[in-house]
N, C-alpha and C. Protein backbone atom coordinates (compact mmCIF):
# COMPACT_ATOMS: atom_id res chain seq x y z
N MET A 1 -106.14 199.62 -54.68
CA MET A 1 -104.59 199.66 -55.18
C MET A 1 -104.36 201.41 -55.86
N PHE A 2 -103.82 201.28 -55.68
CA PHE A 2 -102.77 203.27 -56.68
C PHE A 2 -101.64 202.13 -57.77
N ILE A 3 -101.58 203.27 -58.00
CA ILE A 3 -100.94 203.46 -59.46
C ILE A 3 -100.26 204.66 -59.20
N GLN A 4 -98.08 204.35 -59.25
CA GLN A 4 -97.07 204.93 -59.19
C GLN A 4 -97.07 206.10 -60.43
N GLY A 5 -97.15 207.40 -59.81
CA GLY A 5 -97.37 208.86 -60.81
C GLY A 5 -98.78 209.35 -60.19
N PHE A 6 -100.07 208.81 -59.76
CA PHE A 6 -101.21 208.93 -59.90
C PHE A 6 -101.16 208.93 -58.06
N TYR A 7 -100.08 208.46 -57.89
CA TYR A 7 -100.83 208.53 -56.21
C TYR A 7 -100.01 209.51 -55.60
N ASN A 8 -100.22 210.59 -54.51
CA ASN A 8 -99.63 211.72 -53.75
C ASN A 8 -99.69 211.68 -52.59
N ALA A 9 -98.36 211.27 -51.92
CA ALA A 9 -98.38 210.86 -50.58
C ALA A 9 -98.92 212.50 -50.34
N GLY A 10 -98.65 213.42 -50.37
CA GLY A 10 -98.63 214.77 -49.30
C GLY A 10 -99.96 214.62 -49.44
N SER A 11 -101.44 214.50 -49.86
CA SER A 11 -102.68 214.69 -49.91
C SER A 11 -103.62 213.52 -49.39
N ASN A 12 -102.07 212.04 -49.67
CA ASN A 12 -103.05 210.72 -49.91
C ASN A 12 -103.50 210.22 -50.42
N ILE A 13 -104.10 210.53 -51.96
CA ILE A 13 -104.65 210.56 -52.71
C ILE A 13 -104.24 210.09 -53.67
N GLN A 14 -105.26 210.00 -54.90
CA GLN A 14 -104.63 209.83 -56.58
C GLN A 14 -105.83 209.96 -57.59
N VAL A 15 -104.67 210.21 -58.67
CA VAL A 15 -105.96 210.44 -59.50
C VAL A 15 -106.65 208.99 -60.13
N SER A 16 -108.03 209.37 -60.19
CA SER A 16 -108.48 208.53 -60.61
C SER A 16 -108.77 207.74 -62.36
N ASP A 17 -108.96 206.35 -62.71
CA ASP A 17 -108.55 206.04 -63.60
C ASP A 17 -108.76 204.93 -64.20
N THR A 18 -108.75 204.18 -65.17
CA THR A 18 -110.01 203.44 -65.96
C THR A 18 -108.31 202.28 -65.73
N ILE A 19 -109.21 201.14 -64.95
CA ILE A 19 -108.09 199.60 -65.46
C ILE A 19 -109.40 198.53 -65.50
N ASN A 20 -108.34 197.70 -65.82
CA ASN A 20 -108.87 196.42 -66.32
C ASN A 20 -108.26 195.08 -65.48
N VAL A 21 -109.17 194.18 -65.18
CA VAL A 21 -109.29 192.81 -64.02
C VAL A 21 -109.40 192.18 -64.53
N LYS A 22 -108.37 191.20 -64.96
CA LYS A 22 -109.23 189.67 -65.43
C LYS A 22 -108.92 188.46 -64.26
N LEU A 23 -109.72 187.42 -63.98
CA LEU A 23 -109.76 186.99 -63.55
C LEU A 23 -108.99 185.60 -64.03
N ARG A 24 -107.99 185.09 -63.95
CA ARG A 24 -107.24 183.65 -64.06
C ARG A 24 -106.66 182.74 -63.65
N ASN A 25 -107.44 181.55 -64.16
CA ASN A 25 -107.38 180.46 -64.10
C ASN A 25 -105.93 180.09 -63.11
N THR A 26 -106.01 179.40 -61.97
CA THR A 26 -104.93 179.26 -61.06
C THR A 26 -104.05 178.19 -61.77
N VAL A 27 -104.29 177.33 -62.99
CA VAL A 27 -103.57 176.39 -63.10
C VAL A 27 -102.76 176.65 -64.35
N SER A 28 -101.90 176.48 -65.01
CA SER A 28 -100.97 177.15 -66.38
C SER A 28 -101.63 176.39 -67.49
N PRO A 29 -102.38 176.95 -68.27
CA PRO A 29 -101.87 178.21 -69.04
C PRO A 29 -102.91 179.47 -68.43
N TYR A 30 -103.25 179.28 -67.05
CA TYR A 30 -103.37 180.59 -66.84
C TYR A 30 -105.04 181.53 -67.19
N ALA A 31 -105.35 180.66 -67.84
CA ALA A 31 -106.41 180.71 -69.43
C ALA A 31 -107.13 181.86 -68.51
N VAL A 32 -107.75 183.54 -69.17
CA VAL A 32 -108.76 184.16 -69.18
C VAL A 32 -110.05 183.67 -68.91
N VAL A 33 -110.89 183.73 -67.60
CA VAL A 33 -112.10 182.24 -67.30
C VAL A 33 -113.06 184.51 -67.36
N ASP A 34 -112.86 185.90 -66.70
CA ASP A 34 -113.65 186.58 -67.14
C ASP A 34 -112.77 187.95 -66.92
N ASN A 35 -113.39 189.25 -66.80
CA ASN A 35 -112.63 190.20 -67.60
C ASN A 35 -114.05 191.23 -66.88
N SER A 36 -113.35 192.22 -65.58
CA SER A 36 -114.70 193.48 -65.46
C SER A 36 -113.29 194.62 -65.50
N PRO A 37 -114.09 195.43 -66.66
CA PRO A 37 -113.05 196.87 -66.35
C PRO A 37 -113.50 198.23 -65.32
N ALA A 38 -112.82 198.94 -64.96
CA ALA A 38 -113.32 199.38 -63.25
C ALA A 38 -112.78 200.87 -63.38
N VAL A 39 -113.14 201.61 -62.11
CA VAL A 39 -112.69 202.84 -62.62
C VAL A 39 -112.12 203.17 -60.87
N VAL A 40 -110.91 203.07 -60.78
CA VAL A 40 -110.21 203.22 -59.22
C VAL A 40 -110.32 204.90 -59.05
N SER A 41 -110.74 205.00 -57.45
CA SER A 41 -111.78 206.06 -56.74
C SER A 41 -109.78 207.15 -56.40
N SER A 42 -109.91 208.03 -56.33
CA SER A 42 -108.61 208.69 -56.08
C SER A 42 -108.72 207.76 -54.24
N SER A 43 -109.08 207.10 -53.90
CA SER A 43 -108.67 206.70 -52.69
C SER A 43 -108.21 205.31 -52.62
N GLY A 44 -108.23 204.98 -54.14
CA GLY A 44 -107.75 203.31 -54.61
C GLY A 44 -108.57 202.44 -54.11
N ILE A 45 -109.92 202.90 -54.68
CA ILE A 45 -111.25 201.68 -54.59
C ILE A 45 -111.51 201.41 -55.85
N ALA A 46 -111.55 199.88 -56.28
CA ALA A 46 -112.30 199.78 -57.70
C ALA A 46 -113.69 198.47 -57.39
N VAL A 47 -114.46 198.86 -58.10
CA VAL A 47 -115.75 198.05 -57.64
C VAL A 47 -115.61 197.48 -58.55
N LEU A 48 -115.29 195.45 -58.67
CA LEU A 48 -116.07 195.02 -60.07
C LEU A 48 -117.09 194.40 -59.87
N SER A 49 -117.00 193.36 -61.67
CA SER A 49 -118.22 192.71 -61.04
C SER A 49 -117.84 191.65 -62.20
N PHE A 50 -118.14 189.92 -61.89
CA PHE A 50 -117.70 189.41 -63.44
C PHE A 50 -118.68 188.35 -63.03
N SER A 51 -119.52 188.29 -64.00
CA SER A 51 -120.73 187.45 -64.64
C SER A 51 -121.01 185.98 -64.84
N ILE A 52 -119.09 186.27 -65.81
CA ILE A 52 -119.45 184.89 -66.19
C ILE A 52 -118.59 183.94 -65.32
N ALA A 53 -117.55 183.65 -64.04
CA ALA A 53 -116.60 183.46 -63.88
C ALA A 53 -118.04 182.45 -62.56
N PRO A 54 -117.09 180.75 -62.66
CA PRO A 54 -118.01 180.26 -61.76
C PRO A 54 -117.85 180.32 -60.17
N ALA A 55 -117.83 179.80 -59.39
CA ALA A 55 -117.09 180.20 -58.09
C ALA A 55 -116.03 179.08 -57.77
N GLY A 56 -115.44 179.90 -57.35
CA GLY A 56 -114.02 179.66 -57.69
C GLY A 56 -112.57 180.25 -57.09
N THR A 57 -111.66 180.16 -57.11
CA THR A 57 -109.96 180.50 -56.48
C THR A 57 -109.72 181.36 -58.00
N TYR A 58 -108.85 182.64 -58.29
CA TYR A 58 -108.58 182.59 -59.31
C TYR A 58 -107.67 183.81 -58.95
N TYR A 59 -106.52 183.69 -60.07
CA TYR A 59 -105.58 184.84 -59.93
C TYR A 59 -106.30 185.66 -60.78
N LEU A 60 -106.16 187.17 -59.83
CA LEU A 60 -106.34 188.97 -60.52
C LEU A 60 -104.87 189.45 -61.37
N ALA A 61 -105.58 189.41 -62.35
CA ALA A 61 -104.53 189.97 -63.49
C ALA A 61 -104.73 191.62 -63.67
N ILE A 62 -104.05 192.64 -62.92
CA ILE A 62 -104.59 193.84 -63.28
C ILE A 62 -103.93 194.54 -64.11
N THR A 63 -104.32 195.37 -65.46
CA THR A 63 -103.84 196.18 -66.10
C THR A 63 -104.31 197.50 -66.24
N HIS A 64 -102.92 198.38 -66.19
CA HIS A 64 -103.96 200.36 -66.82
C HIS A 64 -103.04 200.50 -67.85
N ARG A 65 -103.24 201.34 -68.34
CA ARG A 65 -102.69 202.15 -69.46
C ARG A 65 -101.54 202.31 -69.31
N ASN A 66 -100.67 202.11 -68.31
CA ASN A 66 -99.59 202.58 -68.49
C ASN A 66 -98.56 201.97 -68.03
N SER A 67 -99.07 201.48 -66.73
CA SER A 67 -98.70 200.55 -65.67
C SER A 67 -98.24 198.96 -65.91
N ILE A 68 -97.56 198.73 -65.46
CA ILE A 68 -97.48 196.72 -65.63
C ILE A 68 -98.39 196.40 -65.42
N GLU A 69 -98.52 194.97 -65.85
CA GLU A 69 -99.68 194.26 -65.67
C GLU A 69 -99.01 193.33 -64.01
N THR A 70 -99.93 193.97 -63.33
CA THR A 70 -99.78 193.23 -61.91
C THR A 70 -100.58 192.21 -61.82
N TRP A 71 -99.95 190.72 -61.24
CA TRP A 71 -101.19 189.57 -60.93
C TRP A 71 -101.04 189.08 -59.15
N SER A 72 -102.27 189.22 -58.64
CA SER A 72 -102.60 188.89 -57.40
C SER A 72 -101.25 188.26 -57.10
N SER A 73 -100.68 187.75 -55.52
CA SER A 73 -100.05 186.84 -55.00
C SER A 73 -100.27 185.25 -55.58
N ALA A 74 -101.57 185.32 -55.16
CA ALA A 74 -101.86 183.83 -54.93
C ALA A 74 -102.88 183.57 -55.63
N GLY A 75 -104.27 182.60 -55.77
CA GLY A 75 -105.42 182.52 -56.07
C GLY A 75 -106.29 183.24 -55.08
N VAL A 76 -107.21 184.29 -55.75
CA VAL A 76 -108.29 184.72 -54.43
C VAL A 76 -109.43 183.61 -55.01
N VAL A 77 -109.98 183.31 -53.79
CA VAL A 77 -111.54 183.05 -53.87
C VAL A 77 -112.39 184.15 -54.75
N LEU A 78 -113.01 183.56 -55.16
CA LEU A 78 -114.06 185.14 -56.42
C LEU A 78 -115.07 184.73 -54.96
N THR A 79 -115.80 185.87 -54.20
CA THR A 79 -116.62 186.02 -53.22
C THR A 79 -117.17 187.73 -53.65
N SER A 80 -118.00 188.25 -52.58
CA SER A 80 -117.78 189.43 -52.60
C SER A 80 -117.85 190.35 -51.43
N GLY A 81 -116.50 189.74 -50.93
CA GLY A 81 -115.24 190.35 -50.19
C GLY A 81 -113.93 191.20 -51.24
N SER A 82 -113.28 191.72 -50.95
CA SER A 82 -112.17 192.27 -51.62
C SER A 82 -110.61 192.35 -51.09
N TYR A 83 -109.90 192.63 -52.40
CA TYR A 83 -108.55 192.13 -52.26
C TYR A 83 -108.09 193.75 -51.69
N ASN A 84 -106.59 194.01 -51.19
CA ASN A 84 -105.97 194.87 -51.61
C ASN A 84 -104.57 194.56 -51.89
N LEU A 85 -104.48 195.48 -53.13
CA LEU A 85 -102.68 195.10 -53.25
C LEU A 85 -102.34 196.48 -52.84
N SER A 86 -102.62 197.68 -51.88
CA SER A 86 -101.84 198.24 -51.20
C SER A 86 -101.04 198.24 -49.81
N THR A 87 -101.25 197.02 -49.20
CA THR A 87 -100.94 197.14 -47.55
C THR A 87 -99.63 196.50 -47.98
N ALA A 88 -99.23 196.14 -48.91
CA ALA A 88 -97.79 194.90 -48.46
C ALA A 88 -97.14 194.40 -50.22
N SER A 89 -96.19 195.11 -50.14
CA SER A 89 -95.63 194.38 -51.43
C SER A 89 -95.69 192.65 -52.04
N THR A 90 -96.01 191.98 -51.16
CA THR A 90 -96.11 190.74 -51.11
C THR A 90 -97.90 190.49 -51.66
N GLN A 91 -98.32 191.84 -51.75
CA GLN A 91 -99.74 191.28 -52.44
C GLN A 91 -100.09 191.12 -53.38
N ALA A 92 -98.81 191.33 -54.05
CA ALA A 92 -98.75 191.27 -55.61
C ALA A 92 -98.00 190.01 -55.82
N TYR A 93 -97.73 189.03 -56.76
CA TYR A 93 -97.05 188.18 -57.26
C TYR A 93 -95.27 188.84 -57.96
N GLY A 94 -94.63 187.93 -57.30
CA GLY A 94 -93.26 188.13 -57.41
C GLY A 94 -93.23 189.87 -56.49
N SER A 95 -94.01 189.69 -55.39
CA SER A 95 -93.97 191.42 -54.72
C SER A 95 -93.47 192.66 -55.46
N ASN A 96 -93.92 192.26 -56.92
CA ASN A 96 -93.91 193.66 -57.76
C ASN A 96 -94.99 194.35 -57.52
N LEU A 97 -95.07 195.32 -56.85
CA LEU A 97 -94.82 196.91 -56.38
C LEU A 97 -93.74 197.44 -55.84
N MET A 98 -94.34 199.19 -55.69
CA MET A 98 -93.30 199.80 -55.18
C MET A 98 -93.92 200.65 -54.66
N GLN A 99 -93.32 200.68 -52.90
CA GLN A 99 -93.95 201.58 -51.95
C GLN A 99 -93.82 203.31 -52.30
N VAL A 100 -95.06 203.90 -52.52
CA VAL A 100 -95.41 205.22 -52.19
C VAL A 100 -95.44 206.22 -51.45
N ASP A 101 -95.81 205.56 -49.96
CA ASP A 101 -96.21 206.09 -48.68
C ASP A 101 -96.16 205.39 -47.58
N THR A 102 -95.38 206.19 -46.89
CA THR A 102 -94.98 205.60 -45.46
C THR A 102 -96.17 206.12 -44.40
N SER A 103 -96.92 206.85 -44.43
CA SER A 103 -97.21 206.87 -43.56
C SER A 103 -98.75 207.70 -44.22
N PRO A 104 -99.99 206.89 -43.97
CA PRO A 104 -100.10 205.71 -44.51
C PRO A 104 -99.28 204.81 -44.95
N LEU A 105 -98.73 203.27 -44.89
CA LEU A 105 -98.18 202.87 -45.63
C LEU A 105 -98.67 202.47 -46.87
N ARG A 106 -98.28 202.37 -48.09
CA ARG A 106 -99.16 202.19 -49.28
C ARG A 106 -97.83 201.55 -50.12
N PHE A 107 -98.62 201.09 -51.35
CA PHE A 107 -97.21 200.52 -52.28
C PHE A 107 -98.62 200.37 -53.43
N ALA A 108 -97.85 200.65 -54.50
CA ALA A 108 -98.79 200.54 -56.18
C ALA A 108 -97.66 199.54 -57.32
N VAL A 109 -98.67 199.50 -58.02
CA VAL A 109 -98.35 199.15 -58.99
C VAL A 109 -97.83 199.68 -60.25
N TYR A 110 -96.20 199.23 -60.58
CA TYR A 110 -95.58 200.39 -60.90
C TYR A 110 -95.71 200.78 -62.55
N GLY A 111 -95.31 202.22 -62.78
CA GLY A 111 -95.92 203.04 -64.15
C GLY A 111 -94.67 202.75 -65.23
N GLY A 112 -94.93 203.25 -66.21
CA GLY A 112 -93.78 203.40 -67.73
C GLY A 112 -93.82 202.23 -68.57
N ASP A 113 -95.17 201.51 -68.21
CA ASP A 113 -95.08 200.61 -69.34
C ASP A 113 -95.21 201.49 -70.76
N GLN A 114 -95.51 202.47 -71.07
CA GLN A 114 -96.59 203.04 -72.09
C GLN A 114 -96.75 202.13 -73.42
N ASN A 115 -95.99 201.34 -73.82
CA ASN A 115 -96.23 200.35 -74.93
C ASN A 115 -96.96 199.08 -74.25
N GLN A 116 -96.78 198.58 -73.08
CA GLN A 116 -98.00 197.48 -72.78
C GLN A 116 -97.06 196.44 -72.75
N ASP A 117 -96.05 196.18 -72.95
CA ASP A 117 -94.54 195.10 -73.06
C ASP A 117 -94.54 194.43 -72.41
N GLY A 118 -95.13 194.74 -71.04
CA GLY A 118 -94.72 194.18 -70.12
C GLY A 118 -93.31 194.83 -69.61
N PHE A 119 -92.14 195.45 -70.25
CA PHE A 119 -91.13 196.02 -70.00
C PHE A 119 -91.44 197.38 -69.82
N VAL A 120 -91.09 198.15 -68.59
CA VAL A 120 -90.26 199.14 -69.21
C VAL A 120 -88.55 199.62 -69.12
N ASN A 121 -89.13 200.28 -70.48
CA ASN A 121 -87.46 199.40 -71.06
C ASN A 121 -87.25 200.62 -71.88
N LEU A 122 -85.66 201.16 -72.67
CA LEU A 122 -85.93 202.08 -73.53
C LEU A 122 -86.66 202.76 -74.65
N THR A 123 -87.33 201.43 -74.59
CA THR A 123 -88.62 201.72 -75.66
C THR A 123 -89.99 202.76 -75.13
N ASP A 124 -89.60 202.21 -74.06
CA ASP A 124 -90.85 203.33 -73.39
C ASP A 124 -90.47 204.97 -72.82
N VAL A 125 -88.97 204.77 -72.23
CA VAL A 125 -88.87 206.51 -72.18
C VAL A 125 -88.42 207.26 -73.15
N VAL A 126 -87.68 206.65 -74.48
CA VAL A 126 -87.62 207.70 -75.96
C VAL A 126 -89.35 207.96 -76.15
N ASN A 127 -90.98 207.27 -76.39
CA ASN A 127 -91.72 207.27 -76.53
C ASN A 127 -92.67 208.56 -74.97
N VAL A 128 -92.07 208.28 -74.62
CA VAL A 128 -92.31 209.58 -73.89
C VAL A 128 -91.71 211.24 -73.61
N TYR A 129 -90.56 210.72 -74.00
CA TYR A 129 -89.20 211.76 -74.51
C TYR A 129 -90.18 212.69 -75.02
N ASN A 130 -90.36 211.80 -76.43
CA ASN A 130 -90.82 212.60 -77.64
C ASN A 130 -92.29 213.05 -77.52
N ASN A 131 -93.31 212.98 -76.97
CA ASN A 131 -94.53 213.32 -76.30
C ASN A 131 -94.20 214.98 -75.28
N ALA A 132 -93.27 214.57 -74.37
CA ALA A 132 -93.28 215.52 -74.05
C ALA A 132 -92.14 216.58 -74.24
N SER A 133 -91.53 216.63 -75.34
CA SER A 133 -90.75 217.42 -76.26
C SER A 133 -91.67 217.91 -76.97
N GLY A 134 -92.94 217.46 -77.05
CA GLY A 134 -93.96 218.61 -77.64
C GLY A 134 -95.13 218.48 -76.93
N PHE A 135 -94.99 218.66 -75.40
CA PHE A 135 -95.66 219.30 -74.14
C PHE A 135 -96.91 218.43 -74.70
N VAL A 136 -97.12 217.19 -75.26
CA VAL A 136 -98.57 216.45 -75.43
C VAL A 136 -100.04 216.39 -74.66
N ASP A 137 -100.76 216.84 -74.31
CA ASP A 137 -102.08 217.28 -73.17
C ASP A 137 -102.83 216.24 -74.07
N GLY A 138 -103.51 215.82 -73.27
CA GLY A 138 -104.73 214.65 -73.14
C GLY A 138 -104.70 213.09 -72.68
N TYR A 139 -105.52 212.61 -71.92
CA TYR A 139 -105.59 211.45 -71.92
C TYR A 139 -105.16 209.87 -73.05
N LYS A 140 -103.50 210.33 -72.51
CA LYS A 140 -102.00 209.44 -73.54
C LYS A 140 -102.00 208.88 -72.46
N SER A 141 -100.97 207.84 -73.31
CA SER A 141 -100.35 206.42 -72.83
C SER A 141 -99.23 206.91 -72.00
N THR A 142 -98.63 208.34 -72.68
CA THR A 142 -97.23 208.63 -72.27
C THR A 142 -97.86 209.37 -71.11
N ASP A 143 -98.95 209.95 -69.71
CA ASP A 143 -98.59 210.82 -69.23
C ASP A 143 -99.21 209.94 -67.77
N MET A 144 -97.55 209.71 -67.22
CA MET A 144 -97.52 208.72 -66.07
C MET A 144 -97.74 209.39 -64.88
N ASN A 145 -98.45 210.64 -64.69
CA ASN A 145 -99.18 210.72 -63.58
C ASN A 145 -100.16 211.10 -63.79
N GLY A 146 -101.51 211.38 -64.67
CA GLY A 146 -102.67 211.50 -64.94
C GLY A 146 -102.92 212.76 -65.02
N ASP A 147 -101.77 213.56 -65.00
CA ASP A 147 -102.18 215.31 -65.38
C ASP A 147 -102.91 216.21 -66.61
N ASN A 148 -102.66 214.99 -67.01
CA ASN A 148 -103.36 214.96 -68.85
C ASN A 148 -101.93 216.05 -69.52
N ILE A 149 -100.72 215.85 -68.93
CA ILE A 149 -99.71 216.44 -69.78
C ILE A 149 -98.85 215.60 -69.80
N THR A 150 -97.67 215.43 -70.73
CA THR A 150 -96.67 214.60 -71.47
C THR A 150 -95.64 215.48 -70.87
N ASP A 151 -94.48 215.53 -69.71
CA ASP A 151 -93.63 216.46 -69.19
C ASP A 151 -92.64 215.69 -69.52
N LEU A 152 -91.12 216.20 -68.50
CA LEU A 152 -90.73 216.10 -67.44
C LEU A 152 -90.55 215.02 -66.34
N THR A 153 -91.77 215.38 -65.94
CA THR A 153 -92.02 214.23 -64.66
C THR A 153 -92.48 213.09 -65.33
N ASP A 154 -93.30 213.12 -66.42
CA ASP A 154 -93.17 211.30 -67.07
C ASP A 154 -92.37 210.45 -67.76
N VAL A 155 -91.10 211.78 -68.12
CA VAL A 155 -89.90 210.86 -68.89
C VAL A 155 -89.47 210.51 -67.18
N VAL A 156 -88.73 211.67 -66.13
CA VAL A 156 -88.08 210.56 -65.22
C VAL A 156 -88.89 209.66 -64.64
N LEU A 157 -89.38 209.30 -65.06
CA LEU A 157 -91.11 208.42 -63.50
C LEU A 157 -90.77 206.95 -64.58
N THR A 158 -90.71 207.44 -66.05
CA THR A 158 -90.55 206.23 -66.87
C THR A 158 -89.01 205.59 -66.59
N TYR A 159 -87.49 206.74 -66.98
CA TYR A 159 -86.73 206.21 -67.08
C TYR A 159 -86.10 205.75 -65.36
N ASN A 160 -86.38 206.26 -65.03
CA ASN A 160 -86.42 205.13 -63.16
C ASN A 160 -86.69 203.85 -63.46
N ASN A 161 -87.78 203.94 -63.31
CA ASN A 161 -88.08 202.47 -63.81
C ASN A 161 -87.59 201.44 -64.94
N SER A 162 -87.09 202.61 -65.93
CA SER A 162 -86.42 201.33 -66.64
C SER A 162 -84.57 201.03 -66.12
N LEU A 163 -84.58 202.04 -65.45
CA LEU A 163 -83.05 201.46 -64.53
C LEU A 163 -82.96 200.39 -63.88
N ASN A 164 -84.36 200.15 -63.28
CA ASN A 164 -84.79 199.01 -61.75
C ASN A 164 -84.54 198.26 -62.82
N PHE A 165 -85.03 198.00 -64.28
CA PHE A 165 -85.92 196.54 -64.73
C PHE A 165 -87.18 196.66 -64.88
N VAL A 166 -87.55 196.70 -64.25
CA VAL A 166 -88.97 196.84 -63.77
C VAL A 166 -89.83 196.29 -65.05
N SER A 167 -90.21 194.71 -64.79
CA SER A 167 -90.94 194.18 -65.56
C SER A 167 -92.79 193.05 -65.06
N VAL A 168 -92.99 193.06 -65.14
CA VAL A 168 -94.23 191.52 -65.91
C VAL A 168 -94.43 190.53 -64.53
N LYS A 169 -94.12 190.21 -63.67
CA LYS A 169 -94.35 188.94 -62.46
C LYS A 169 -95.60 188.26 -63.05
N ARG A 170 -95.47 186.75 -63.36
CA ARG A 170 -96.78 186.19 -63.70
C ARG A 170 -96.13 184.66 -62.89
N PRO A 171 -97.02 184.00 -62.40
CA PRO A 171 -96.54 182.18 -61.97
C PRO A 171 -96.14 182.06 -63.15
């Protein structure tokens, strides 16, 4: 998987960062069955380990510190295999991925949800703008591109996604 803003189409790599993946039942109310934190590598690979979930089919619900929660498009059989969110927007529920590269063709989870409320909206834009005004540095939820400084680049990404009404899409 790739993260919008963290991915560089020129180098075809991204800034590594931490994600969390929850296994959720495929039947409403989609209860959480297991959870796995992981680091997504610069090449978009994350190794997950689920120790509680019994064999079965589950939705994957992926969260990242400032990205839109993204669900797999359908239930995934729990095996030692893999699931690739980067090949097509349809890999996510509701096609809720953004194309970030054409060669190779790559899709990423949407960034900009600074406060993790499921919507990229004016609240996120204001929070990012306020930190950008002070050039706040470090590992912050307002840093939308992983360069450890909140600046105008982060504001623009958040603002653009707010204009497109980017939000979580769940079953």
